[in-house]
Structures are given as structure tokens and as C-alpha cells.
Amino acid sequence: MLTQKVFNKIISLKFVPDSELEGTVIANQRFKAEDLTLNPNFFVQGLSEGQFGIENAVALWLEYQQLGLMDSGFGNKRSVFEQFQHDHFK
């Protein structure tokens, strides 16, 4: 669950943390930035449909991916996020 304290820690960062080199831990879990680009369940973890919502977050991920901003060097995961979107919102 993304608490206000954890959220404040994340937004205070000046760069994407590298958990392998820095041992970054957020919400008692190792943070691996690439998981945000690879795993839709991780990407939406802690979000609800209130306010911005999961559906909007996934749509924004797909928009950013189209702009080339979600390339973490582990292959194109667009179809994984599209399938997640289809399974949950269509």
C-alpha cells in the first residue's frame, strides 16, 4: 500500500533510484525502477479507482510508452499493459 509517507519519499527523490547499487527500499520492499516499465500490477500497486485511478494510470503508461519514455531495455511491454487494460477495463 502506498502511504502518504512513502509517497512523500518517492516524490522527494531527484532521480530514479537504483536498488541494486543503493539498496533502495520503499514500503519495506526493494525498489526496482524497471518494474514500473515491465509489470502493470506493480505499476498500479496502491492506486484505486478514486481520483486519478488505475485505468488512467495505465492509459498514461501506454501514452508514455508510445513516446519512448517507458523503455527500460527489457523489451517492449506494451502488449502486456494493453492486455492488463483489456482484462480490467474493457
C-alpha atoms as a PDB file:
ATOM      1  CA  MET A   1       0.000   0.000   0.000  1.00  0.00           C
ATOM      2  CA  LEU A   2       1.303   3.409  -0.912  1.00  0.00           C
ATOM      3  CA  THR A   3       1.039   5.543   2.208  1.00  0.00           C
ATOM      4  CA  GLN A   4       1.437   9.302   2.348  1.00  0.00           C
ATOM      5  CA  LYS A   5       4.860   8.850   3.977  1.00  0.00           C
ATOM      6  CA  VAL A   6       6.050   6.530   1.187  1.00  0.00           C
ATOM      7  CA  PHE A   7       4.585   8.817  -1.480  1.00  0.00           C
ATOM      8  CA  ASN A   8       6.393  11.813   0.030  1.00  0.00           C
ATOM      9  CA  LYS A   9       9.672   9.866  -0.028  1.00  0.00           C
ATOM     10  CA  ILE A  10       9.197   8.967  -3.687  1.00  0.00           C
ATOM     11  CA  ILE A  11       8.395  12.495  -4.819  1.00  0.00           C
ATOM     12  CA  SER A  12      11.339  13.912  -2.859  1.00  0.00           C
ATOM     13  CA  LEU A  13      13.800  11.897  -4.953  1.00  0.00           C
ATOM     14  CA  LYS A  14      15.831  13.809  -7.529  1.00  0.00           C
ATOM     15  CA  PHE A  15      16.399  10.764  -9.780  1.00  0.00           C
ATOM     16  CA  VAL A  16      15.152   7.211 -10.262  1.00  0.00           C
ATOM     17  CA  PRO A  17      16.712   5.108  -7.506  1.00  0.00           C
ATOM     18  CA  ASP A  18      18.895   2.146  -8.359  1.00  0.00           C
ATOM     19  CA  SER A  19      18.052  -0.589  -5.865  1.00  0.00           C
ATOM     20  CA  GLU A  20      20.998  -2.777  -6.838  1.00  0.00           C
ATOM     21  CA  LEU A  21      23.608  -0.104  -6.166  1.00  0.00           C
ATOM     22  CA  GLU A  22      21.878   1.918  -3.475  1.00  0.00           C
ATOM     23  CA  GLY A  23      19.759  -0.683  -1.732  1.00  0.00           C
ATOM     24  CA  THR A  24      16.685   1.492  -2.142  1.00  0.00           C
ATOM     25  CA  VAL A  25      13.776   0.223  -0.063  1.00  0.00           C
ATOM     26  CA  ILE A  26      10.284   1.686  -0.351  1.00  0.00           C
ATOM     27  CA  ALA A  27       7.396   0.304   1.706  1.00  0.00           C
ATOM     28  CA  ASN A  28       9.680  -2.424   3.079  1.00  0.00           C
ATOM     29  CA  GLN A  29      10.376  -3.765  -0.402  1.00  0.00           C
ATOM     30  CA  ARG A  30      13.346  -3.385  -2.724  1.00  0.00           C
ATOM     31  CA  PHE A  31      12.504  -0.822  -5.352  1.00  0.00           C
ATOM     32  CA  LYS A  32      13.475  -1.713  -8.886  1.00  0.00           C
ATOM     33  CA  ALA A  33      12.616   1.099 -11.260  1.00  0.00           C
ATOM     34  CA  GLU A  34      12.352  -1.244 -14.224  1.00  0.00           C
ATOM     35  CA  ASP A  35       9.341  -2.926 -12.589  1.00  0.00           C
ATOM     36  CA  LEU A  36       7.395   0.253 -13.373  1.00  0.00           C
ATOM     37  CA  THR A  37       8.001  -0.417 -17.062  1.00  0.00           C
ATOM     38  CA  LEU A  38       7.570  -4.201 -17.008  1.00  0.00           C
ATOM     39  CA  ASN A  39       4.744  -5.114 -14.665  1.00  0.00           C
ATOM     40  CA  PRO A  40       1.303  -3.469 -14.782  1.00  0.00           C
ATOM     41  CA  ASN A  41       0.351  -4.907 -11.387  1.00  0.00           C
ATOM     42  CA  PHE A  42       3.408  -3.282  -9.816  1.00  0.00           C
ATOM     43  CA  PHE A  43       2.790  -0.061 -11.741  1.00  0.00           C
ATOM     44  CA  VAL A  44      -0.732   0.348 -10.308  1.00  0.00           C
ATOM     45  CA  GLN A  45       0.029  -1.041  -6.838  1.00  0.00           C
ATOM     46  CA  GLY A  46      -1.580   1.175  -4.208  1.00  0.00           C
ATOM     47  CA  LEU A  47      -3.863   3.008  -6.646  1.00  0.00           C
ATOM     48  CA  SER A  48      -7.626   2.898  -6.509  1.00  0.00           C
ATOM     49  CA  GLU A  49     -10.245   3.993  -8.999  1.00  0.00           C
ATOM     50  CA  GLY A  50     -10.841   7.159  -6.996  1.00  0.00           C
ATOM     51  CA  GLN A  51      -9.204  10.407  -8.137  1.00  0.00           C
ATOM     52  CA  PHE A  52      -6.662   9.611 -10.887  1.00  0.00           C
ATOM     53  CA  GLY A  53      -7.325   5.874 -10.841  1.00  0.00           C
ATOM     54  CA  ILE A  54      -5.841   2.693 -12.217  1.00  0.00           C
ATOM     55  CA  GLU A  55      -7.459   2.999 -15.624  1.00  0.00           C
ATOM     56  CA  ASN A  56      -5.995   6.473 -16.160  1.00  0.00           C
ATOM     57  CA  ALA A  57      -2.573   5.362 -14.884  1.00  0.00           C
ATOM     58  CA  VAL A  58      -2.426   2.509 -17.405  1.00  0.00           C
ATOM     59  CA  ALA A  59      -3.621   4.800 -20.214  1.00  0.00           C
ATOM     60  CA  LEU A  60      -0.872   7.266 -19.288  1.00  0.00           C
ATOM     61  CA  TRP A  61       1.715   4.440 -19.238  1.00  0.00           C
ATOM     62  CA  LEU A  62       0.643   3.492 -22.785  1.00  0.00           C
ATOM     63  CA  GLU A  63       0.904   7.119 -23.904  1.00  0.00           C
ATOM     64  CA  TYR A  64       4.388   7.450 -22.382  1.00  0.00           C
ATOM     65  CA  GLN A  65       5.437   4.153 -23.956  1.00  0.00           C
ATOM     66  CA  GLN A  66       4.377   5.425 -27.372  1.00  0.00           C
ATOM     67  CA  LEU A  67       6.636   8.443 -26.784  1.00  0.00           C
ATOM     68  CA  GLY A  68       9.529   6.122 -25.929  1.00  0.00           C
ATOM     69  CA  LEU A  69       9.619   7.027 -22.244  1.00  0.00           C
ATOM     70  CA  MET A  70       8.949   3.540 -20.834  1.00  0.00           C
ATOM     71  CA  ASP A  71      11.849   1.719 -22.490  1.00  0.00           C
ATOM     72  CA  SER A  72      13.899   0.144 -19.710  1.00  0.00           C
ATOM     73  CA  GLY A  73      15.917  -2.050 -22.046  1.00  0.00           C
ATOM     74  CA  PHE A  74      13.972  -5.226 -21.224  1.00  0.00           C
ATOM     75  CA  GLY A  75      11.859  -5.394 -24.363  1.00  0.00           C
ATOM     76  CA  ASN A  76       8.616  -3.828 -25.466  1.00  0.00           C
ATOM     77  CA  LYS A  77       5.945  -4.487 -22.823  1.00  0.00           C
ATOM     78  CA  ARG A  78       3.163  -2.522 -24.496  1.00  0.00           C
ATOM     79  CA  SER A  79       1.151  -5.676 -25.201  1.00  0.00           C
ATOM     80  CA  VAL A  80       1.349  -6.688 -21.514  1.00  0.00           C
ATOM     81  CA  PHE A  81      -0.104  -3.327 -20.439  1.00  0.00           C
ATOM     82  CA  GLU A  82      -2.711  -3.414 -23.223  1.00  0.00           C
ATOM     83  CA  GLN A  83      -3.791  -6.888 -22.084  1.00  0.00           C
ATOM     84  CA  PHE A  84      -3.995  -5.651 -18.475  1.00  0.00           C
ATOM     85  CA  GLN A  85      -6.132  -2.728 -19.658  1.00  0.00           C
ATOM     86  CA  HIS A  86      -8.364  -5.046 -21.693  1.00  0.00           C
ATOM     87  CA  ASP A  87      -8.774  -7.551 -18.841  1.00  0.00           C
ATOM     88  CA  HIS A  88      -9.669  -4.901 -16.266  1.00  0.00           C
ATOM     89  CA  PHE A  89     -11.477  -2.124 -18.130  1.00  0.00           C
ATOM     90  CA  LYS A  90     -12.995  -3.290 -21.399  1.00  0.00           C
END
